[in-house]
Amino acid sequence: MRSVLVAFALSAGAAPVAADAVDSYVQEQMRVSHIPGLSLAVVRHGRTVKTAAYGLANVELGVPAGPDTKFAIASMTKSFTAAGVLLLAHDAKLSLEDPIARYLQPVPETWKAIRIRHLLSHTSGIKDHFFDFPFYPPVPSISGLNRRMEFNDEALLKALTDAPLNFEPGERYAYSGSGYVLLGTIIRRLTGRPYGDLLQERIFGPLGMNATRLIDLDDVVPNRAAGYRWRDGALRNGGFTGQTFSSAADVAMLTTAGDLAKWFEAIDRDPLWKSVLAQMETPGTLADGGAVTTPLGGSYGLGWFLTSYQAEAVGGHTGSFITGFASAMLRLPGRGLSVIVLTNQHEANPSQLAYGIIGLYESDLRPPHDMKPEPDAAPDLTRRVEGFVKDLVGSGGGAFEGVAPVLRKRLVGYPKPPEGERPEVSASFIATEDLRGRTVERNGSRIVRMSHYKVVIGDEPVCLTFYFDDRGLIAAHSGY
């Protein structure tokens, strides 16, 4: 693969990182992961200290990726849709406690308790147009909506309301892109204009994000990257999604790493954006007063994932689109560091790349996937970790043995696979760290040990970190 470094900048006040350390690391990871093109940005204490682009934006035409290459960022769009809603709330145009029935009609009685906040925090119970079909058992009233075809807001609303809710509003967390599609509809009905106009006028324009726009399949878009997938040992073109889904408020943004860096700069410097982010990164609360918890053990605020990494707080979002893209943006507030990684390969792991880059800026935060595996001195804990993950994905007995009571109460499993399909799970030990000399708490437990594992779920490898309390119980977990 031809790899071209097109843009590179490093500020004088940045951490002492060798000029080629990140570049060498990223290009090697691209080779291993079959990533055609990639763009990144690093923001430190409100200043962009590095932007870079590598590889090819279009493989067939041999077009290099550059600083102006626009990538589809898929679900990272949700963070900006959430920010747009919070700006409307700041202007007193709406309240997060407004029932969505005020803006969406007709809706069934079961929807009357759903608030805007529920849509933002994935706690509405509304079925997800990706997870609930077609990959999982189809819901008849939803499966009639083909993502390749066009339909209007009313048709989508009818399909969603015809289907039963997955749970009572506020009962638990379950990722639902449909909720964010409906937020786009609410913005349009409230303002009388497409939701993209709000994002342009309140976010993209004021912040100088001039390369950022929403997907339009009909438009000729200069510097738009082509999307790819790695399937059956070969690079292939990404799949097709029709305009309705491609332009919806859950996945629609096309942008550059440099433009996203401008938003992160504003988050660190501008009082309004600091206030908006403070709301986004506040963990959601369920109807019973418990914290919103995701399958990987973190929480979710408003358009913002919240998790732990090496005992550090992390916020941000990821996105992947079957059209051939995968991206991540991560923020470590305790280190004043944010990393953005955009790729045009659907099967890439941009979070892994981002954590690898973080490790080059913060030497004590070396990612587990880059660690040399140590001898496993506690195989009983490894077996417990393996059993824990089996229970999470529905391959085990569901007993969650050796789990602290608070975590057990908050656990949320992965989306249920089709009946009869239970993925194989294996766990192998990587490394451990004694935390008794530090004050680290998770879910009300004092953490004494942090251990990293490579876990394979089906054929997908992930890195998971488990936090053990002084009783040897699993008190928390996180991963990428």
Protein backbone atom coordinates (compact mmCIF):
# COMPACT_ATOMS: atom_id res chain seq x y z
CA MET A 1 0.00 0.00 0.00
CA ARG A 2 1.25 3.42 -0.93
CA SER A 3 1.26 5.59 2.20
CA VAL A 4 1.52 9.34 1.88
CA LEU A 5 1.97 11.79 4.74
CA VAL A 6 0.23 14.88 3.48
CA ALA A 7 -0.14 17.11 6.51
CA PHE A 8 1.91 17.36 9.65
CA ALA A 9 2.08 19.96 12.40
CA LEU A 10 3.53 19.88 15.90
CA SER A 11 3.40 22.85 18.23
CA ALA A 12 6.41 24.03 20.21
CA GLY A 13 4.56 23.56 23.50
CA ALA A 14 3.47 19.98 22.87
CA ALA A 15 4.59 16.90 24.78
CA PRO A 16 8.00 15.61 23.70
CA VAL A 17 6.96 13.17 20.98
CA ALA A 18 9.44 12.29 18.25
CA ALA A 19 8.38 13.84 14.95
CA ASP A 20 7.90 10.45 13.33
CA ALA A 21 6.73 8.34 16.29
CA VAL A 22 3.00 8.71 15.65
CA ASP A 23 3.44 8.51 11.88
CA SER A 24 5.41 5.27 12.06
CA TYR A 25 2.96 3.74 14.53
CA VAL A 26 -0.12 4.67 12.49
CA GLN A 27 1.29 3.49 9.18
CA GLU A 28 2.21 0.11 10.65
CA GLN A 29 -1.27 -0.28 12.16
CA MET A 30 -2.82 0.65 8.83
CA ARG A 31 -0.78 -2.07 7.13
CA VAL A 32 -1.79 -4.71 9.67
CA SER A 33 -5.46 -3.69 9.65
CA HIS A 34 -5.76 -3.19 5.87
CA ILE A 35 -6.78 0.47 6.19
CA PRO A 36 -6.51 2.31 2.85
CA GLY A 37 -6.67 5.87 4.18
CA LEU A 38 -6.60 7.63 7.53
CA SER A 39 -6.66 11.13 8.94
CA LEU A 40 -5.97 12.16 12.53
CA ALA A 41 -5.74 15.16 14.81
CA VAL A 42 -4.40 15.61 18.33
CA VAL A 43 -5.62 18.44 20.57
CA ARG A 44 -3.74 19.31 23.74
CA HIS A 45 -5.03 21.87 26.27
CA GLY A 46 -7.13 23.64 23.67
CA ARG A 47 -4.54 23.66 20.87
CA THR A 48 -4.26 21.38 17.87
CA VAL A 49 -0.73 19.99 18.11
CA LYS A 50 -0.82 17.53 15.24
CA THR A 51 -2.82 16.83 12.11
CA ALA A 52 -1.84 14.18 9.62
CA ALA A 53 -3.20 12.13 6.74
CA TYR A 54 -1.94 8.85 5.35
CA GLY A 55 -2.65 6.39 2.57
CA LEU A 56 -5.35 6.63 -0.05
CA ALA A 57 -8.70 8.38 -0.06
CA ASN A 58 -9.58 6.45 -3.22
CA VAL A 59 -7.81 3.19 -3.97
CA GLU A 60 -9.13 2.69 -7.49
CA LEU A 61 -7.95 6.13 -8.62
CA GLY A 62 -4.83 6.21 -6.45
CA VAL A 63 -5.86 9.49 -4.78
CA PRO A 64 -3.87 10.24 -1.59
CA ALA A 65 -5.66 11.15 1.63
CA GLY A 66 -4.96 14.72 2.67
CA PRO A 67 -5.92 17.30 5.26
CA ASP A 68 -9.02 18.19 3.21
CA THR A 69 -10.22 14.61 2.75
CA LYS A 70 -13.79 14.25 4.01
CA PHE A 71 -14.67 11.03 5.83
CA ALA A 72 -18.12 9.80 6.83
CA ILE A 73 -18.03 9.68 10.64
CA ALA A 74 -21.29 7.75 11.09
CA SER A 75 -22.43 7.59 14.74
CA MET A 76 -20.01 10.31 15.84
CA THR A 77 -22.71 12.51 14.29
CA LYS A 78 -24.82 11.80 17.38
CA SER A 79 -22.54 14.02 19.48
CA PHE A 80 -23.28 16.99 17.23
CA THR A 81 -27.01 16.28 17.06
CA ALA A 82 -27.00 16.17 20.87
CA ALA A 83 -25.05 19.43 20.99
CA GLY A 84 -27.60 21.04 18.66
CA VAL A 85 -30.47 19.97 20.94
CA LEU A 86 -28.60 21.32 23.99
CA LEU A 87 -28.11 24.66 22.21
CA LEU A 88 -31.87 24.82 21.59
CA ALA A 89 -32.40 24.10 25.29
CA HIS A 90 -29.89 26.84 26.13
CA ASP A 91 -32.03 29.20 24.01
CA ALA A 92 -35.17 28.03 25.87
CA LYS A 93 -36.63 26.72 22.60
CA LEU A 94 -37.23 23.34 24.21
CA SER A 95 -36.61 21.40 27.42
CA LEU A 96 -34.91 18.04 27.72
CA GLU A 97 -37.88 17.01 29.86
CA ASP A 98 -40.37 17.74 27.06
CA PRO A 99 -42.37 14.66 26.03
CA ILE A 100 -41.50 13.80 22.45
CA ALA A 101 -45.23 13.51 21.75
CA ARG A 102 -45.26 17.32 21.79
CA TYR A 103 -43.31 17.26 18.53
CA LEU A 104 -44.13 13.84 17.05
CA GLN A 105 -47.66 12.78 16.22
CA PRO A 106 -49.31 10.39 16.20
CA VAL A 107 -47.66 8.23 18.86
CA PRO A 108 -49.13 5.39 20.93
CA GLU A 109 -49.92 5.64 24.62
CA THR A 110 -46.75 3.69 25.44
CA TRP A 111 -44.68 6.55 23.99
CA LYS A 112 -46.28 9.29 26.11
CA ALA A 113 -43.66 8.93 28.86
CA ILE A 114 -40.68 9.27 26.48
CA ARG A 115 -38.79 12.54 26.97
CA ILE A 116 -36.19 14.18 24.77
CA ARG A 117 -33.62 13.23 27.40
CA HIS A 118 -34.48 9.56 26.84
CA LEU A 119 -33.66 9.84 23.13
CA LEU A 120 -30.36 11.56 23.88
CA SER A 121 -29.28 8.93 26.43
CA HIS A 122 -30.53 5.80 24.59
CA THR A 123 -32.99 5.01 27.36
CA SER A 124 -36.26 5.42 25.44
CA GLY A 125 -36.87 1.74 24.66
CA ILE A 126 -37.48 2.58 20.98
CA LYS A 127 -36.22 -0.11 18.65
CA ASP A 128 -32.97 0.54 16.84
CA HIS A 129 -33.05 0.51 13.06
CA PHE A 130 -29.67 -1.26 12.97
CA PHE A 131 -29.59 -3.64 15.96
CA ASP A 132 -33.23 -4.70 15.82
CA PHE A 133 -33.11 -5.40 12.07
CA PRO A 134 -31.89 -6.91 9.81
CA PHE A 135 -28.97 -8.46 11.70
CA TYR A 136 -31.17 -9.68 14.54
CA PRO A 137 -34.63 -11.26 14.44
CA PRO A 138 -36.70 -8.88 12.30
CA VAL A 139 -39.59 -6.98 13.77
CA PRO A 140 -42.30 -7.16 11.07
CA SER A 141 -43.29 -3.50 11.30
CA ILE A 142 -39.65 -2.36 11.00
CA SER A 143 -38.33 -4.89 8.52
CA GLY A 144 -40.46 -3.32 5.80
CA LEU A 145 -38.11 -0.32 5.83
CA ASN A 146 -35.25 -1.11 3.51
CA ARG A 147 -32.15 1.02 4.17
CA ARG A 148 -31.53 1.13 0.43
CA MET A 149 -34.91 2.73 -0.26
CA GLU A 150 -36.31 6.20 0.35
CA PHE A 151 -39.13 7.07 2.75
CA ASN A 152 -40.25 10.09 4.75
CA ASP A 153 -40.38 10.94 8.46
CA GLU A 154 -43.97 9.81 8.73
CA ALA A 155 -43.20 6.34 7.34
CA LEU A 156 -40.30 5.88 9.75
CA LEU A 157 -42.35 7.09 12.71
CA LYS A 158 -45.17 4.69 11.81
CA ALA A 159 -42.75 1.77 11.50
CA LEU A 160 -41.26 2.54 14.92
CA THR A 161 -44.56 3.15 16.67
CA ASP A 162 -46.11 -0.01 15.20
CA ALA A 163 -43.39 -2.02 16.95
CA PRO A 164 -43.51 -2.52 20.71
CA LEU A 165 -40.94 -0.77 22.87
CA ASN A 166 -38.02 -2.89 24.02
CA PHE A 167 -38.63 -1.70 27.61
CA GLU A 168 -40.36 1.03 29.56
CA PRO A 169 -38.83 4.51 29.03
CA GLY A 170 -35.99 5.09 31.47
CA GLU A 171 -35.84 1.46 32.57
CA ARG A 172 -32.39 0.76 31.09
CA TYR A 173 -29.90 1.63 28.36
CA ALA A 174 -30.04 0.17 24.84
CA TYR A 175 -28.30 1.93 21.97
CA SER A 176 -30.89 3.24 19.52
CA GLY A 177 -29.95 5.17 16.42
CA SER A 178 -33.68 5.52 15.77
CA GLY A 179 -33.90 7.88 18.74
CA TYR A 180 -31.40 10.22 17.11
CA VAL A 181 -33.22 10.05 13.78
CA LEU A 182 -36.30 11.22 15.68
CA LEU A 183 -34.28 14.04 17.27
CA GLY A 184 -33.56 15.27 13.76
CA THR A 185 -37.29 15.22 13.05
CA ILE A 186 -38.00 17.12 16.29
CA ILE A 187 -35.46 19.80 15.34
CA ARG A 188 -37.08 20.18 11.93
CA ARG A 189 -40.60 20.42 13.33
CA LEU A 190 -39.51 22.90 16.00
CA THR A 191 -37.45 25.18 13.75
CA GLY A 192 -39.27 24.65 10.48
CA ARG A 193 -35.96 23.81 8.79
CA PRO A 194 -33.79 20.68 8.30
CA TYR A 195 -31.72 19.76 11.35
CA GLY A 196 -28.56 20.22 9.28
CA ASP A 197 -29.31 23.95 9.04
CA LEU A 198 -29.19 24.18 12.83
CA LEU A 199 -25.82 22.39 12.96
CA GLN A 200 -24.43 24.65 10.23
CA GLU A 201 -25.65 27.88 11.82
CA ARG A 202 -24.84 27.08 15.45
CA ILE A 203 -21.81 24.77 15.23
CA PHE A 204 -20.07 24.34 11.87
CA GLY A 205 -20.20 27.99 10.78
CA PRO A 206 -19.22 29.70 14.05
CA LEU A 207 -16.36 27.26 14.66
CA GLY A 208 -14.97 27.56 11.14
CA MET A 209 -15.67 23.90 10.33
CA ASN A 210 -15.84 24.82 6.67
CA ALA A 211 -15.16 21.32 5.33
CA THR A 212 -18.02 19.77 7.32
CA ARG A 213 -21.38 18.95 5.75
CA LEU A 214 -24.08 16.31 5.69
CA ILE A 215 -24.11 13.41 3.25
CA ASP A 216 -25.97 13.93 0.00
CA LEU A 217 -25.62 11.06 -2.44
CA ASP A 218 -26.52 13.29 -5.39
CA ASP A 219 -23.96 16.00 -4.71
CA VAL A 220 -20.48 16.12 -6.16
CA VAL A 221 -18.36 16.60 -3.02
CA PRO A 222 -14.70 17.57 -3.56
CA ASN A 223 -12.24 15.48 -1.53
CA ARG A 224 -14.83 12.92 -0.42
CA ALA A 225 -13.12 9.64 0.57
CA ALA A 226 -14.35 6.37 -0.89
CA GLY A 227 -15.36 3.73 1.65
CA TYR A 228 -14.10 0.14 1.84
CA ARG A 229 -14.52 -3.13 3.71
CA TRP A 230 -12.06 -5.95 4.36
CA ARG A 231 -13.96 -9.12 3.49
CA ASP A 232 -12.77 -12.65 2.67
CA GLY A 233 -9.14 -11.59 2.67
CA ALA A 234 -9.54 -8.73 0.22
CA LEU A 235 -10.33 -5.03 0.17
CA ARG A 236 -13.78 -4.41 -1.26
CA ASN A 237 -16.00 -1.43 -1.84
CA GLY A 238 -18.29 -0.40 0.99
CA GLY A 239 -21.96 -1.27 0.98
CA PHE A 240 -24.80 0.97 -0.14
CA THR A 241 -27.26 2.86 2.05
CA GLY A 242 -29.98 5.05 0.59
CA GLN A 243 -30.23 8.80 1.07
CA THR A 244 -32.86 8.60 3.83
CA PHE A 245 -30.64 6.67 6.22
CA SER A 246 -27.39 8.25 5.03
CA SER A 247 -28.62 11.78 5.76
CA ALA A 248 -30.34 11.05 9.09
CA ALA A 249 -29.34 12.78 12.31
CA ASP A 250 -27.64 9.69 13.72
CA VAL A 251 -25.00 9.16 11.00
CA ALA A 252 -24.99 11.93 8.41
CA MET A 253 -21.80 13.95 8.87
CA LEU A 254 -18.93 14.21 6.40
CA THR A 255 -15.93 16.00 7.88
CA THR A 256 -12.17 16.17 8.33
CA ALA A 257 -10.01 15.48 11.36
CA GLY A 258 -8.93 19.13 11.32
CA ASP A 259 -12.52 20.36 11.49
CA LEU A 260 -13.29 18.06 14.41
CA ALA A 261 -10.19 19.41 16.16
CA LYS A 262 -11.72 22.89 15.99
CA TRP A 263 -14.69 21.60 17.99
CA PHE A 264 -12.40 20.08 20.61
CA GLU A 265 -10.48 23.36 20.83
CA ALA A 266 -13.77 25.15 21.52
CA ILE A 267 -14.68 22.58 24.17
CA ASP A 268 -11.45 23.41 26.01
CA ARG A 269 -11.62 27.20 25.62
CA ASP A 270 -15.12 28.55 25.05
CA PRO A 271 -17.45 28.97 28.09
CA LEU A 272 -20.58 28.05 26.11
CA TRP A 273 -19.02 24.88 24.76
CA LYS A 274 -17.62 23.97 28.15
CA SER A 275 -21.16 24.21 29.48
CA VAL A 276 -22.55 22.09 26.64
CA LEU A 277 -19.91 19.40 27.13
CA ALA A 278 -20.52 19.37 30.90
CA GLN A 279 -24.10 18.34 30.16
CA MET A 280 -23.06 15.82 27.51
CA GLU A 281 -20.56 14.11 29.81
CA THR A 282 -22.85 13.85 32.84
CA PRO A 283 -23.81 10.16 33.18
CA GLY A 284 -27.44 9.48 32.50
CA THR A 285 -29.80 8.37 35.26
CA LEU A 286 -32.43 5.66 34.98
CA ALA A 287 -35.96 5.84 36.34
CA ASP A 288 -34.92 3.91 39.46
CA GLY A 289 -32.10 6.37 40.18
CA GLY A 290 -29.35 4.05 38.95
CA ALA A 291 -26.66 5.11 36.51
CA VAL A 292 -26.92 4.40 32.80
CA THR A 293 -24.53 1.52 32.06
CA THR A 294 -23.32 0.23 28.68
CA PRO A 295 -22.30 -3.36 27.80
CA LEU A 296 -18.61 -2.42 28.08
CA GLY A 297 -19.16 -1.20 31.61
CA GLY A 298 -19.02 2.53 31.03
CA SER A 299 -21.85 5.00 31.03
CA TYR A 300 -23.52 7.29 28.50
CA GLY A 301 -24.38 10.92 28.90
CA LEU A 302 -26.07 12.91 26.13
CA GLY A 303 -24.48 11.90 22.83
CA TRP A 304 -21.27 11.04 24.68
CA PHE A 305 -19.80 7.72 25.84
CA LEU A 306 -18.13 7.77 29.26
CA THR A 307 -15.65 5.08 30.22
CA SER A 308 -12.32 4.34 31.90
CA TYR A 309 -8.93 3.70 30.39
CA GLN A 310 -5.97 2.71 32.55
CA ALA A 311 -7.95 4.21 35.48
CA GLU A 312 -8.32 7.51 33.58
CA ALA A 313 -11.72 8.99 32.71
CA VAL A 314 -12.43 9.02 28.97
CA GLY A 315 -15.26 10.58 26.99
CA GLY A 316 -16.07 10.61 23.30
CA HIS A 317 -17.78 8.65 20.57
CA THR A 318 -17.10 6.13 17.85
CA GLY A 319 -18.78 5.52 14.52
CA SER A 320 -18.85 2.88 11.80
CA PHE A 321 -20.88 2.74 8.63
CA ILE A 322 -21.43 -0.18 6.25
CA THR A 323 -20.62 2.22 3.42
CA GLY A 324 -16.99 1.66 4.45
CA PHE A 325 -15.93 3.92 7.31
CA ALA A 326 -14.90 3.65 10.98
CA SER A 327 -13.85 6.54 13.23
CA ALA A 328 -13.26 7.50 16.85
CA MET A 329 -12.81 10.65 18.91
CA LEU A 330 -11.56 10.30 22.48
CA ARG A 331 -11.01 12.92 25.17
CA LEU A 332 -9.02 12.41 28.38
CA PRO A 333 -9.96 15.47 30.48
CA GLY A 334 -7.47 14.59 33.22
CA ARG A 335 -4.62 14.79 30.71
CA GLY A 336 -5.98 17.65 28.59
CA LEU A 337 -5.64 15.37 25.57
CA SER A 338 -8.01 14.55 22.71
CA VAL A 339 -7.34 12.26 19.74
CA ILE A 340 -9.40 11.97 16.54
CA VAL A 341 -8.95 9.10 14.08
CA LEU A 342 -10.93 8.82 10.82
CA THR A 343 -10.59 5.83 8.46
CA ASN A 344 -12.21 4.60 5.26
CA GLN A 345 -12.31 0.91 6.25
CA HIS A 346 -15.38 -0.42 8.02
CA GLU A 347 -13.62 -3.27 9.85
CA ALA A 348 -10.88 -1.01 11.26
CA ASN A 349 -10.58 -0.43 15.00
CA PRO A 350 -10.05 3.34 15.27
CA SER A 351 -10.31 3.28 19.07
CA GLN A 352 -7.32 0.94 19.20
CA LEU A 353 -5.39 3.35 17.01
CA ALA A 354 -6.44 6.32 19.14
CA TYR A 355 -5.35 4.64 22.37
CA GLY A 356 -2.05 3.74 20.73
CA ILE A 357 -1.51 7.40 19.86
CA ILE A 358 -2.45 8.41 23.40
CA GLY A 359 0.26 6.06 24.65
CA LEU A 360 2.84 7.90 22.55
CA TYR A 361 1.89 11.21 24.17
CA GLU A 362 1.46 9.76 27.67
CA SER A 363 4.10 7.08 28.25
CA ASP A 364 2.31 5.65 31.31
CA LEU A 365 -0.82 4.97 29.25
CA ARG A 366 0.56 2.32 26.93
CA PRO A 367 -2.43 0.44 25.48
CA PRO A 368 -2.96 -3.24 26.31
CA HIS A 369 -2.78 -4.33 22.66
CA ASP A 370 0.78 -2.96 22.50
CA MET A 371 1.89 -4.67 25.72
CA LYS A 372 3.97 -7.84 25.69
CA PRO A 373 1.86 -10.56 27.35
CA GLU A 374 3.11 -11.57 30.79
CA PRO A 375 2.87 -15.03 32.37
CA ASP A 376 -0.60 -15.52 33.82
CA ALA A 377 -0.12 -15.70 37.59
CA ALA A 378 -3.88 -15.85 38.26
CA PRO A 379 -5.51 -18.26 35.77
CA ASP A 380 -8.57 -18.47 38.02
CA LEU A 381 -9.25 -14.78 37.37
CA THR A 382 -8.81 -15.33 33.62
CA ARG A 383 -11.39 -18.12 33.73
CA ARG A 384 -13.72 -15.82 35.65
CA VAL A 385 -13.22 -13.06 33.07
CA GLU A 386 -14.00 -15.52 30.27
CA GLY A 387 -17.17 -16.62 32.04
CA PHE A 388 -18.16 -13.01 32.64
CA VAL A 389 -17.91 -12.18 28.93
CA LYS A 390 -19.81 -15.35 28.00
CA ASP A 391 -22.63 -14.19 30.25
CA LEU A 392 -22.54 -10.73 28.66
CA VAL A 393 -22.96 -12.05 25.11
CA GLY A 394 -25.45 -14.79 26.01
CA SER A 395 -23.06 -17.73 25.62
CA GLY A 396 -22.87 -18.55 29.32
CA GLY A 397 -25.24 -19.42 32.09
CA GLY A 398 -25.91 -15.83 33.09
CA ALA A 399 -24.75 -16.31 36.67
CA PHE A 400 -22.04 -13.62 36.57
CA GLU A 401 -19.99 -15.35 39.24
CA GLY A 402 -17.41 -13.33 41.15
CA VAL A 403 -19.00 -9.99 40.32
CA ALA A 404 -19.44 -7.20 42.89
CA PRO A 405 -23.14 -6.59 43.76
CA VAL A 406 -23.27 -3.01 42.42
CA LEU A 407 -21.84 -4.00 39.04
CA ARG A 408 -24.12 -7.04 38.87
CA LYS A 409 -27.14 -4.78 39.33
CA ARG A 410 -25.96 -2.40 36.58
CA LEU A 411 -24.85 -4.95 33.98
CA VAL A 412 -26.26 -4.59 30.50
CA GLY A 413 -25.68 -7.36 27.97
CA TYR A 414 -24.90 -7.06 24.30
CA PRO A 415 -27.80 -7.03 21.82
CA LYS A 416 -29.34 -10.49 21.82
CA PRO A 417 -28.10 -12.62 18.91
CA PRO A 418 -30.48 -14.67 16.79
CA GLU A 419 -31.87 -17.76 18.50
CA GLY A 420 -29.39 -20.61 18.41
CA GLU A 421 -26.38 -18.38 17.68
CA ARG A 422 -24.09 -18.11 20.68
CA PRO A 423 -20.61 -16.81 19.89
CA GLU A 424 -17.55 -18.63 21.19
CA VAL A 425 -15.59 -16.65 23.78
CA SER A 426 -11.94 -16.98 24.78
CA ALA A 427 -9.82 -14.81 27.07
CA SER A 428 -6.04 -14.58 27.37
CA PHE A 429 -4.13 -12.60 29.98
CA ILE A 430 -1.97 -9.65 28.91
CA ALA A 431 -0.79 -7.79 32.00
CA THR A 432 -1.80 -6.55 35.44
CA GLU A 433 -1.10 -3.58 37.67
CA ASP A 434 -1.33 -3.26 41.45
CA LEU A 435 -3.43 -0.19 42.30
CA ARG A 436 -3.30 -0.41 46.10
CA GLY A 437 -1.03 2.62 46.19
CA ARG A 438 -3.58 4.73 44.27
CA THR A 439 -7.09 5.85 45.09
CA VAL A 440 -9.18 4.28 42.36
CA GLU A 441 -12.87 3.60 42.85
CA ARG A 442 -15.39 2.02 40.49
CA ASN A 443 -19.06 1.44 41.25
CA GLY A 444 -18.49 2.20 44.93
CA SER A 445 -15.63 -0.31 45.32
CA ARG A 446 -12.00 0.44 46.10
CA ILE A 447 -9.92 -1.04 43.28
CA VAL A 448 -6.72 -2.90 44.12
CA ARG A 449 -5.91 -4.59 40.81
CA MET A 450 -6.32 -3.65 37.15
CA SER A 451 -5.82 -6.51 34.67
CA HIS A 452 -5.85 -6.48 30.87
CA TYR A 453 -7.07 -9.30 28.64
CA LYS A 454 -7.41 -10.05 24.97
CA VAL A 455 -10.90 -11.43 24.49
CA VAL A 456 -12.15 -12.98 21.27
CA ILE A 457 -15.92 -12.93 20.82
CA GLY A 458 -16.80 -15.04 17.82
CA ASP A 459 -14.07 -13.92 15.44
CA GLU A 460 -13.77 -10.38 16.80
CA PRO A 461 -10.84 -9.57 19.13
CA VAL A 462 -11.26 -6.86 21.76
CA CYS A 463 -9.09 -5.62 24.61
CA LEU A 464 -10.87 -5.57 27.97
CA THR A 465 -9.64 -4.18 31.27
CA PHE A 466 -11.10 -5.57 34.50
CA TYR A 467 -10.97 -3.80 37.86
CA PHE A 468 -10.89 -6.07 40.93
CA ASP A 469 -11.73 -4.98 44.47
CA ASP A 470 -10.06 -6.11 47.70
CA ARG A 471 -12.35 -9.16 47.82
CA GLY A 472 -11.15 -10.28 44.39
CA LEU A 473 -14.53 -9.47 42.82
CA ILE A 474 -14.95 -7.84 39.41
CA ALA A 475 -16.08 -4.31 40.25
CA ALA A 476 -15.89 -2.77 36.77
CA HIS A 477 -14.77 -3.41 33.21
CA SER A 478 -14.03 -1.37 30.11
CA GLY A 479 -12.58 -2.01 26.68
CA TYR A 480 -12.19 -1.26 23.00
